[in-house]
C-alpha atoms as a PDB file:
ATOM      1  CA  PHE A   1       0.000   0.000   0.000  1.00  0.00           C
ATOM      2  CA  ARG A   2       3.060   2.288   0.024  1.00  0.00           C
ATOM      3  CA  GLY A   3       4.463   4.095  -2.984  1.00  0.00           C
ATOM      4  CA  ALA A   4       7.824   2.337  -3.152  1.00  0.00           C
ATOM      5  CA  GLY A   5       9.809   3.601  -6.126  1.00  0.00           C
ATOM      6  CA  THR A   6       7.449   6.540  -6.700  1.00  0.00           C
ATOM      7  CA  PRO A   7       7.510  10.182  -5.562  1.00  0.00           C
ATOM      8  CA  ASP A   8       5.072   9.230  -2.791  1.00  0.00           C
ATOM      9  CA  GLY A   9       7.648   6.731  -1.531  1.00  0.00           C
ATOM     10  CA  VAL A  10       9.961   9.617  -0.606  1.00  0.00           C
ATOM     11  CA  SER A  11       7.308  11.214   1.614  1.00  0.00           C
ATOM     12  CA  GLY A  12       6.107   7.886   2.943  1.00  0.00           C
ATOM     13  CA  ASN A  13       2.570   8.452   1.678  1.00  0.00           C
ATOM     14  CA  THR A  14       0.472   5.332   1.208  1.00  0.00           C
ATOM     15  CA  ALA A  15      -2.074   4.788  -1.540  1.00  0.00           C
ATOM     16  CA  ALA A  16      -4.718   5.625   1.058  1.00  0.00           C
ATOM     17  CA  HIS A  17      -3.032   9.005   1.688  1.00  0.00           C
ATOM     18  CA  TRP A  18      -3.178   9.706  -2.042  1.00  0.00           C
ATOM     19  CA  ALA A  19      -6.837   8.674  -2.422  1.00  0.00           C
ATOM     20  CA  ALA A  20      -7.901  10.616   0.674  1.00  0.00           C
ATOM     21  CA  ALA A  21      -6.032  13.771  -0.380  1.00  0.00           C
ATOM     22  CA  ARG A  22      -7.767  13.742  -3.755  1.00  0.00           C
ATOM     23  CA  GLY A  23     -11.185  12.716  -2.476  1.00  0.00           C
ATOM     24  CA  HIS A  24     -11.303   9.511  -4.516  1.00  0.00           C
ATOM     25  CA  ILE A  25     -13.877   7.762  -2.336  1.00  0.00           C
ATOM     26  CA  GLY A  26     -14.188   4.620  -4.442  1.00  0.00           C
ATOM     27  CA  ALA A  27     -10.454   4.004  -4.520  1.00  0.00           C
ATOM     28  CA  LEU A  28     -10.129   4.787  -0.819  1.00  0.00           C
ATOM     29  CA  GLU A  29     -12.892   2.370   0.151  1.00  0.00           C
ATOM     30  CA  MET A  30     -11.386  -0.344  -2.040  1.00  0.00           C
ATOM     31  CA  LEU A  31      -8.040   0.084  -0.279  1.00  0.00           C
ATOM     32  CA  LEU A  32      -9.599   0.007   3.176  1.00  0.00           C
ATOM     33  CA  LYS A  33     -11.637  -3.090   2.378  1.00  0.00           C
ATOM     34  CA  ALA A  34      -8.455  -4.750   1.131  1.00  0.00           C
ATOM     35  CA  GLY A  35      -6.880  -4.230   4.559  1.00  0.00           C
ATOM     36  CA  ALA A  36      -4.896  -1.005   4.088  1.00  0.00           C
ATOM     37  CA  PRO A  37      -3.956   0.182   7.609  1.00  0.00           C
ATOM     38  CA  VAL A  38      -6.181   3.187   8.276  1.00  0.00           C
ATOM     39  CA  GLY A  39      -3.708   4.595  10.805  1.00  0.00           C
ATOM     40  CA  ALA A  40      -0.588   4.319   8.627  1.00  0.00           C
ATOM     41  CA  THR A  41       1.546   7.463   8.806  1.00  0.00           C
ATOM     42  CA  ASN A  42       3.859   9.110   6.310  1.00  0.00           C
ATOM     43  CA  HIS A  43       7.301  10.438   7.206  1.00  0.00           C
ATOM     44  CA  GLY A  44       5.665  13.504   8.750  1.00  0.00           C
ATOM     45  CA  GLY A  45       3.475  11.436  11.049  1.00  0.00           C
ATOM     46  CA  SER A  46       0.300  12.283   9.118  1.00  0.00           C
ATOM     47  CA  THR A  47      -2.441   9.761   8.427  1.00  0.00           C
ATOM     48  CA  ALA A  48      -4.842   9.536   5.500  1.00  0.00           C
ATOM     49  CA  LEU A  49      -7.434  11.264   7.717  1.00  0.00           C
ATOM     50  CA  GLN A  50      -5.205  14.321   8.039  1.00  0.00           C
ATOM     51  CA  ALA A  51      -4.627  14.270   4.273  1.00  0.00           C
ATOM     52  CA  ALA A  52      -8.390  14.285   3.694  1.00  0.00           C
ATOM     53  CA  VAL A  53      -8.875  17.185   6.119  1.00  0.00           C
ATOM     54  CA  LEU A  54      -6.068  19.266   4.621  1.00  0.00           C
ATOM     55  CA  ASN A  55      -7.726  18.979   1.226  1.00  0.00           C
ATOM     56  CA  GLY A  56     -11.286  19.593   2.422  1.00  0.00           C
ATOM     57  CA  HIS A  57     -12.766  16.172   1.606  1.00  0.00           C
ATOM     58  CA  ALA A  58     -15.455  15.579   4.228  1.00  0.00           C
ATOM     59  CA  GLU A  59     -16.782  12.365   2.649  1.00  0.00           C
ATOM     60  CA  ALA A  60     -13.301  10.862   2.751  1.00  0.00           C
ATOM     61  CA  VAL A  61     -13.153  11.877   6.411  1.00  0.00           C
ATOM     62  CA  ARG A  62     -16.447  10.082   7.099  1.00  0.00           C
ATOM     63  CA  LEU A  63     -15.280   6.956   5.315  1.00  0.00           C
ATOM     64  CA  LEU A  64     -11.978   6.855   7.193  1.00  0.00           C
ATOM     65  CA  ARG A  65     -13.780   7.406  10.493  1.00  0.00           C
ATOM     66  CA  ARG A  66     -16.038   4.423   9.751  1.00  0.00           C
ATOM     67  CA  TYR A  67     -12.897   2.340   9.396  1.00  0.00           C
ATOM     68  CA  GLY A  68     -11.565   3.457  12.767  1.00  0.00           C
ATOM     69  CA  ALA A  69      -9.405   6.493  11.916  1.00  0.00           C
ATOM     70  CA  ASP A  70      -8.414   8.457  15.020  1.00  0.00           C
ATOM     71  CA  ALA A  71      -9.342  12.145  14.826  1.00  0.00           C
ATOM     72  CA  ASP A  72      -7.050  12.935  17.771  1.00  0.00           C
ATOM     73  CA  ALA A  73      -3.840  11.277  16.533  1.00  0.00           C
ATOM     74  CA  PRO A  74      -1.127  13.974  16.202  1.00  0.00           C
ATOM     75  CA  ASP A  75       1.365  14.405  13.381  1.00  0.00           C
ATOM     76  CA  GLU A  76       5.017  15.349  13.969  1.00  0.00           C
ATOM     77  CA  PHE A  77       3.954  18.934  14.709  1.00  0.00           C
ATOM     78  CA  GLY A  78       1.359  17.823  17.243  1.00  0.00           C
ATOM     79  CA  ASP A  79      -1.621  18.629  14.990  1.00  0.00           C
ATOM     80  CA  SER A  80      -4.522  16.184  14.933  1.00  0.00           C
ATOM     81  CA  ALA A  81      -7.118  15.997  12.175  1.00  0.00           C
ATOM     82  CA  LEU A  82      -9.456  17.944  14.442  1.00  0.00           C
ATOM     83  CA  ASP A  83      -6.830  20.663  14.932  1.00  0.00           C
ATOM     84  CA  LEU A  84      -6.333  20.951  11.181  1.00  0.00           C
ATOM     85  CA  ALA A  85     -10.068  21.131  10.544  1.00  0.00           C
ATOM     86  CA  GLN A  86     -10.461  23.973  13.032  1.00  0.00           C
ATOM     87  CA  ARG A  87      -7.915  26.004  11.038  1.00  0.00           C
ATOM     88  CA  SER A  88      -9.098  24.925   7.615  1.00  0.00           C
ATOM     89  CA  GLN A  89     -10.162  27.456   5.017  1.00  0.00           C
ATOM     90  CA  ARG A  90     -11.770  24.735   2.892  1.00  0.00           C
ATOM     91  CA  ASN A  91     -15.147  23.230   3.807  1.00  0.00           C
ATOM     92  CA  GLN A  92     -14.461  23.829   7.501  1.00  0.00           C
ATOM     93  CA  ALA A  93     -17.982  23.321   8.871  1.00  0.00           C
ATOM     94  CA  GLU A  94     -18.527  20.056   7.031  1.00  0.00           C
ATOM     95  CA  LEU A  95     -15.096  18.753   8.005  1.00  0.00           C
ATOM     96  CA  LEU A  96     -15.751  19.449  11.676  1.00  0.00           C
ATOM     97  CA  ARG A  97     -19.151  17.816  11.441  1.00  0.00           C
ATOM     98  CA  ALA A  98     -17.634  14.722   9.829  1.00  0.00           C
ATOM     99  CA  LEU A  99     -15.008  14.486  12.574  1.00  0.00           C
ATOM    100  CA  ILE A 100     -17.237  14.920  15.611  1.00  0.00           C
ATOM    101  CA  GLU A 101     -20.490  13.243  14.574  1.00  0.00           C
ATOM    102  CA  PRO A 102     -21.031   9.775  16.108  1.00  0.00           C
ATOM    103  CA  VAL A 103     -19.716   6.898  14.045  1.00  0.00           C
ATOM    104  CA  ARG A 104     -22.237   4.090  13.790  1.00  0.00           C
ATOM    105  CA  ALA A 105     -20.720   0.901  15.121  1.00  0.00           C
ATOM    106  CA  PRO A 106     -20.756  -1.872  12.521  1.00  0.00           C
ATOM    107  CA  ALA A 107     -22.908  -4.881  13.172  1.00  0.00           C
ATOM    108  CA  ALA A 108     -21.081  -7.776  14.751  1.00  0.00           C
ATOM    109  CA  ALA A 109     -20.104 -10.439  12.261  1.00  0.00           C
ATOM    110  CA  SER A 110     -22.225 -13.569  12.480  1.00  0.00           C
ATOM    111  CA  PRO A 111     -20.462 -16.918  12.825  1.00  0.00           C
ATOM    112  CA  ASP A 112     -21.435 -17.634   9.218  1.00  0.00           C
ATOM    113  CA  SER A 113     -20.149 -14.335   7.813  1.00  0.00           C
ATOM    114  CA  PRO A 114     -17.293 -14.407   5.276  1.00  0.00           C
ATOM    115  CA  ALA A 115     -14.973 -12.637   7.744  1.00  0.00           C
ATOM    116  CA  ALA A 116     -15.682 -15.159  10.520  1.00  0.00           C
ATOM    117  CA  ARG A 117     -15.302 -18.118   8.164  1.00  0.00           C
ATOM    118  CA  LEU A 118     -11.980 -16.839   6.816  1.00  0.00           C
ATOM    119  CA  ARG A 119     -10.711 -16.144  10.328  1.00  0.00           C
ATOM    120  CA  SER A 120     -11.612 -19.686  11.378  1.00  0.00           C
ATOM    121  CA  GLU A 121      -9.790 -21.094   8.357  1.00  0.00           C
ATOM    122  CA  GLY A 122      -6.809 -18.910   9.211  1.00  0.00           C
ATOM    123  CA  ASN A 123      -6.781 -20.265  12.755  1.00  0.00           C
ATOM    124  CA  ALA A 124      -6.752 -23.815  11.387  1.00  0.00           C
ATOM    125  CA  ALA A 125      -3.888 -22.987   9.042  1.00  0.00           C
ATOM    126  CA  PHE A 126      -1.917 -21.447  11.900  1.00  0.00           C
ATOM    127  CA  ALA A 127      -2.502 -24.512  14.057  1.00  0.00           C
ATOM    128  CA  ALA A 128      -1.129 -26.612  11.184  1.00  0.00           C
ATOM    129  CA  GLN A 129       1.943 -24.319  11.065  1.00  0.00           C
ATOM    130  CA  GLN A 130       0.949 -23.112   7.585  1.00  0.00           C
ATOM    131  CA  HIS A 131       1.776 -19.560   8.538  1.00  0.00           C
ATOM    132  CA  SER A 132       1.947 -18.002   5.075  1.00  0.00           C
ATOM    133  CA  ARG A 133      -1.431 -19.510   4.197  1.00  0.00           C
ATOM    134  CA  ALA A 134      -2.846 -18.215   7.477  1.00  0.00           C
ATOM    135  CA  ILE A 135      -1.665 -14.699   6.583  1.00  0.00           C
ATOM    136  CA  GLU A 136      -3.532 -14.945   3.258  1.00  0.00           C
ATOM    137  CA  LEU A 137      -6.715 -16.010   5.028  1.00  0.00           C
ATOM    138  CA  TYR A 138      -6.500 -13.360   7.751  1.00  0.00           C
ATOM    139  CA  THR A 139      -5.834 -10.700   5.118  1.00  0.00           C
ATOM    140  CA  ALA A 140      -8.908 -11.852   3.200  1.00  0.00           C
ATOM    141  CA  ALA A 141     -10.878 -11.656   6.457  1.00  0.00           C
ATOM    142  CA  LEU A 142      -9.657  -8.071   6.911  1.00  0.00           C
ATOM    143  CA  HIS A 143     -11.076  -7.324   3.479  1.00  0.00           C
ATOM    144  CA  GLU A 144     -14.472  -8.613   4.623  1.00  0.00           C
ATOM    145  CA  ALA A 145     -14.429  -7.064   8.113  1.00  0.00           C
ATOM    146  CA  GLY A 146     -15.289  -3.564   6.889  1.00  0.00           C
ATOM    147  CA  GLY A 147     -15.274  -1.015   9.684  1.00  0.00           C
ATOM    148  CA  ASP A 148     -15.395  -3.491  12.589  1.00  0.00           C
ATOM    149  CA  ALA A 149     -12.377  -2.175  14.513  1.00  0.00           C
ATOM    150  CA  GLU A 150     -12.563  -4.871  17.193  1.00  0.00           C
ATOM    151  CA  ALA A 151     -12.564  -7.726  14.702  1.00  0.00           C
ATOM    152  CA  LYS A 152      -9.820  -6.094  12.654  1.00  0.00           C
ATOM    153  CA  GLY A 153      -7.697  -5.666  15.767  1.00  0.00           C
ATOM    154  CA  VAL A 154      -7.922  -9.420  16.380  1.00  0.00           C
ATOM    155  CA  LEU A 155      -7.033 -10.169  12.765  1.00  0.00           C
ATOM    156  CA  TRP A 156      -4.008  -7.846  12.766  1.00  0.00           C
ATOM    157  CA  SER A 157      -2.855  -9.484  16.001  1.00  0.00           C
ATOM    158  CA  ASN A 158      -3.110 -12.879  14.324  1.00  0.00           C
ATOM    159  CA  VAL A 159      -1.244 -11.634  11.255  1.00  0.00           C
ATOM    160  CA  SER A 160       1.511 -10.448  13.597  1.00  0.00           C
ATOM    161  CA  ALA A 161       1.738 -13.901  15.172  1.00  0.00           C
ATOM    162  CA  CYS A 162       2.085 -15.495  11.737  1.00  0.00           C
ATOM    163  CA  HIS A 163       4.851 -13.140  10.624  1.00  0.00           C
ATOM    164  CA  ALA A 164       6.676 -13.731  13.921  1.00  0.00           C
ATOM    165  CA  ALA A 165       6.395 -17.480  13.376  1.00  0.00           C
ATOM    166  CA  ASN A 166       8.050 -16.899   9.978  1.00  0.00           C
ATOM    167  CA  ALA A 167      10.770 -14.818  11.725  1.00  0.00           C
ATOM    168  CA  ASP A 168       9.630 -11.782   9.705  1.00  0.00           C
ATOM    169  CA  TYR A 169       9.712  -9.507  12.717  1.00  0.00           C
ATOM    170  CA  GLY A 170       9.460  -6.216  10.820  1.00  0.00           C
ATOM    171  CA  ARG A 171       6.097  -7.162   9.346  1.00  0.00           C
ATOM    172  CA  ALA A 172       5.100  -8.700  12.667  1.00  0.00           C
ATOM    173  CA  LEU A 173       5.699  -5.344  14.336  1.00  0.00           C
ATOM    174  CA  ASP A 174       3.760  -3.438  11.666  1.00  0.00           C
ATOM    175  CA  ALA A 175       0.772  -5.734  12.170  1.00  0.00           C
ATOM    176  CA  ALA A 176       1.009  -5.569  15.960  1.00  0.00           C
ATOM    177  CA  ARG A 177       1.066  -1.784  15.878  1.00  0.00           C
ATOM    178  CA  GLU A 178      -2.056  -1.756  13.748  1.00  0.00           C
ATOM    179  CA  ALA A 179      -3.700  -4.058  16.304  1.00  0.00           C
ATOM    180  CA  THR A 180      -2.718  -1.782  19.200  1.00  0.00           C
ATOM    181  CA  ARG A 181      -3.985   1.245  17.299  1.00  0.00           C
ATOM    182  CA  LEU A 182      -7.365  -0.374  16.770  1.00  0.00           C
ATOM    183  CA  ARG A 183      -7.540  -1.842  20.285  1.00  0.00           C
ATOM    184  CA  PRO A 184      -5.202   0.181  22.507  1.00  0.00           C
ATOM    185  CA  ASP A 185      -6.540  -1.367  25.725  1.00  0.00           C
ATOM    186  CA  TRP A 186      -6.139  -4.969  24.547  1.00  0.00           C
ATOM    187  CA  ALA A 187      -3.145  -6.546  26.254  1.00  0.00           C
ATOM    188  CA  LYS A 188      -2.670  -9.297  23.688  1.00  0.00           C
ATOM    189  CA  ALA A 189      -1.858  -6.799  20.947  1.00  0.00           C
ATOM    190  CA  HIS A 190       0.869  -5.241  23.114  1.00  0.00           C
ATOM    191  CA  SER A 191       2.319  -8.700  23.775  1.00  0.00           C
ATOM    192  CA  ARG A 192       2.452  -9.251  20.004  1.00  0.00           C
ATOM    193  CA  ALA A 193       4.407  -6.021  19.698  1.00  0.00           C
ATOM    194  CA  GLY A 194       6.741  -7.129  22.476  1.00  0.00           C
ATOM    195  CA  ALA A 195       7.481 -10.410  20.700  1.00  0.00           C
ATOM    196  CA  ALA A 196       8.186  -8.646  17.397  1.00  0.00           C
ATOM    197  CA  LEU A 197      10.443  -6.059  19.030  1.00  0.00           C
ATOM    198  CA  HIS A 198      12.350  -8.820  20.809  1.00  0.00           C
ATOM    199  CA  GLY A 199      12.852 -10.544  17.477  1.00  0.00           C
ATOM    200  CA  LEU A 200      14.227  -7.299  16.048  1.00  0.00           C
ATOM    201  CA  GLY A 201      16.642  -6.974  18.947  1.00  0.00           C
ATOM    202  CA  GLN A 202      14.975  -3.805  20.250  1.00  0.00           C
ATOM    203  CA  LEU A 203      15.059  -4.981  23.837  1.00  0.00           C
ATOM    204  CA  ASP A 204      14.149  -1.756  25.645  1.00  0.00           C
ATOM    205  CA  GLU A 205      11.086  -1.270  23.446  1.00  0.00           C
ATOM    206  CA  ALA A 206      10.139  -4.934  23.820  1.00  0.00           C
ATOM    207  CA  GLU A 207      10.308  -4.638  27.602  1.00  0.00           C
ATOM    208  CA  ALA A 208       8.050  -1.584  27.499  1.00  0.00           C
ATOM    209  CA  ALA A 209       5.499  -3.409  25.339  1.00  0.00           C
ATOM    210  CA  TYR A 210       5.390  -6.412  27.665  1.00  0.00           C
ATOM    211  CA  LEU A 211       5.064  -4.157  30.700  1.00  0.00           C
ATOM    212  CA  GLN A 212       2.152  -2.422  29.001  1.00  0.00           C
ATOM    213  CA  ALA A 213       0.523  -5.809  28.395  1.00  0.00           C
ATOM    214  CA  LEU A 214       0.951  -6.726  32.044  1.00  0.00           C
ATOM    215  CA  GLN A 215      -0.457  -3.394  33.159  1.00  0.00           C
ATOM    216  CA  LEU A 216      -3.542  -4.022  31.019  1.00  0.00           C
ATOM    217  CA  GLY A 217      -3.925  -7.496  32.490  1.00  0.00           C
ATOM    218  CA  ASP A 218      -2.804  -9.576  29.509  1.00  0.00           C
ATOM    219  CA  GLY A 219      -5.963 -11.593  29.784  1.00  0.00           C
ATOM    220  CA  ALA A 220      -5.580 -12.811  26.229  1.00  0.00           C
ATOM    221  CA  ALA A 221      -1.870 -12.980  25.511  1.00  0.00           C
ATOM    222  CA  THR A 222      -1.789 -16.551  24.288  1.00  0.00           C
ATOM    223  CA  SER A 223       1.017 -17.816  22.124  1.00  0.00           C
ATOM    224  CA  SER A 224      -1.174 -18.915  19.217  1.00  0.00           C
ATOM    225  CA  ALA A 225      -3.127 -16.959  16.663  1.00  0.00           C
ATOM    226  CA  GLY A 226      -6.178 -19.077  17.342  1.00  0.00           C
ATOM    227  CA  GLY A 227      -6.802 -17.277  20.633  1.00  0.00           C
ATOM    228  CA  GLY A 228      -8.140 -14.364  18.606  1.00  0.00           C
ATOM    229  CA  MET A 229     -11.452 -16.059  17.860  1.00  0.00           C
ATOM    230  CA  ALA A 230     -14.779 -15.265  19.462  1.00  0.00           C
ATOM    231  CA  GLY A 231     -14.189 -11.653  20.364  1.00  0.00           C
ATOM    232  CA  GLY A 232     -10.464 -11.910  20.839  1.00  0.00           C
ATOM    233  CA  GLN A 233     -10.375 -13.476  24.287  1.00  0.00           C
ATOM    234  CA  GLY A 234      -8.282 -16.578  24.824  1.00  0.00           C
ATOM    235  CA  GLY A 235      -6.607 -18.370  27.677  1.00  0.00           C
ATOM    236  CA  GLY A 236      -3.126 -18.012  29.070  1.00  0.00           C
ATOM    237  CA  GLY A 237      -3.561 -15.130  31.525  1.00  0.00           C
ATOM    238  CA  ALA A 238      -0.541 -12.993  32.246  1.00  0.00           C
ATOM    239  CA  GLY A 239       1.860 -15.892  31.789  1.00  0.00           C
ATOM    240  CA  VAL A 240       2.888 -15.177  28.201  1.00  0.00           C
ATOM    241  CA  ALA A 241       3.749 -11.531  28.818  1.00  0.00           C
ATOM    242  CA  THR A 242       5.573 -12.494  32.007  1.00  0.00           C
ATOM    243  CA  GLU A 243       7.591 -15.111  30.136  1.00  0.00           C
ATOM    244  CA  GLY A 244       8.265 -12.706  27.291  1.00  0.00           C
ATOM    245  CA  LEU A 245       9.456 -10.040  29.688  1.00  0.00           C
ATOM    246  CA  ALA A 246      11.764 -12.526  31.412  1.00  0.00           C
ATOM    247  CA  ALA A 247      13.181 -13.598  28.044  1.00  0.00           C
ATOM    248  CA  VAL A 248      13.863  -9.986  27.074  1.00  0.00           C
ATOM    249  CA  ARG A 249      15.684  -9.336  30.334  1.00  0.00           C
ATOM    250  CA  ARG A 250      17.750 -12.499  29.917  1.00  0.00           C
ATOM    251  CA  ALA A 251      18.676 -11.383  26.415  1.00  0.00           C
ATOM    252  CA  ARG A 252      19.722  -7.994  27.735  1.00  0.00           C
ATOM    253  CA  ARG A 253      21.942  -9.613  30.377  1.00  0.00           C
ATOM    254  CA  MET A 254      23.539 -11.826  27.743  1.00  0.00           C
ATOM    255  CA  ARG A 255      24.136  -8.819  25.514  1.00  0.00           C
ATOM    256  CA  ARG A 256      25.865  -6.964  28.340  1.00  0.00           C
ATOM    257  CA  LEU A 257      27.949 -10.024  29.180  1.00  0.00           C
ATOM    258  CA  GLU A 258      29.071 -10.348  25.562  1.00  0.00           C
ATOM    259  CA  GLU A 259      30.026  -6.684  25.522  1.00  0.00           C
ATOM    260  CA  LEU A 260      32.137  -7.166  28.650  1.00  0.00           C
ATOM    261  CA  ILE A 261      33.826 -10.201  27.147  1.00  0.00           C
ATOM    262  CA  ASP A 262      34.551  -8.271  23.947  1.00  0.00           C
ATOM    263  CA  ARG A 263      36.188  -5.532  26.008  1.00  0.00           C
ATOM    264  CA  GLY A 264      38.336  -8.083  27.784  1.00  0.00           C
ATOM    265  CA  ALA A 265      36.788  -7.448  31.179  1.00  0.00           C
ATOM    266  CA  PHE A 266      37.303 -11.074  32.172  1.00  0.00           C
ATOM    267  CA  ASP A 267      40.833 -11.440  30.800  1.00  0.00           C
ATOM    268  CA  ARG A 268      42.888 -12.322  33.881  1.00  0.00           C
ATOM    269  CA  ARG A 269      46.111 -11.424  32.096  1.00  0.00           C
ATOM    270  CA  LYS A 270      44.927  -7.872  31.504  1.00  0.00           C
ATOM    271  CA  GLY A 271      47.167  -5.368  33.239  1.00  0.00           C
ATOM    272  CA  LEU A 272      49.815  -7.911  34.278  1.00  0.00           C
ATOM    273  CA  GLY A 273      53.422  -7.063  33.581  1.00  0.00           C
ATOM    274  CA  PRO A 274      56.113  -9.484  32.473  1.00  0.00           C
ATOM    275  CA  GLY A 275      56.532 -12.465  34.783  1.00  0.00           C
END
């Protein structure tokens, strides 16, 4: 969804940024249905919602809001979409209305819905260690989930677990961050982020993510993607985040020990003169 190799790639704009900025509602909805992260930011920290506001496209704002866009998320200058709308000289009243009017919650997916069926198939593929196939199924479920932020948070969490199982920790982190954006109070999503950050060797950030999961209760931080079914609650309690946190701290101790060894801190001959 990013403009790699194009002028938009330099700015970090996604296809959704482009569609929102130009008010192309059909293209924007197609991207969102296909699973484009609604909260993706460019290199200036701006989302597609801010791009829509800056260009006065209230209908694009409404569409993005239905898909869970956060009107209060700040860019690198600290300006949210609501801040930008208040200063806008283009369609200001309609932009503000689109940002503050209640967003109708989508109907919960029935067990027989395409999204639920695809998620169930993805869970089965994950259980069979067919992680790449599970990613395909979860992504298809994201396409069908529409604006159901809760269901999409579960699916992004499961996608993160699959990428981590494939040792693709960069994509695992991207998916986990989308899950935490959609469900910031869901401990399992923060545990997914912790696992991905650990895999990337970002130990301080991993520790912070696991601590956040523990603070939230980690009532669903299971080690399998299948725990994301039926509303996103699974077993496991706080154990997984606790174990992850312990693993991160062990890795940090090992890293420090290796650094000391490299510096010769344990070389008994160091500093001895001729015998």
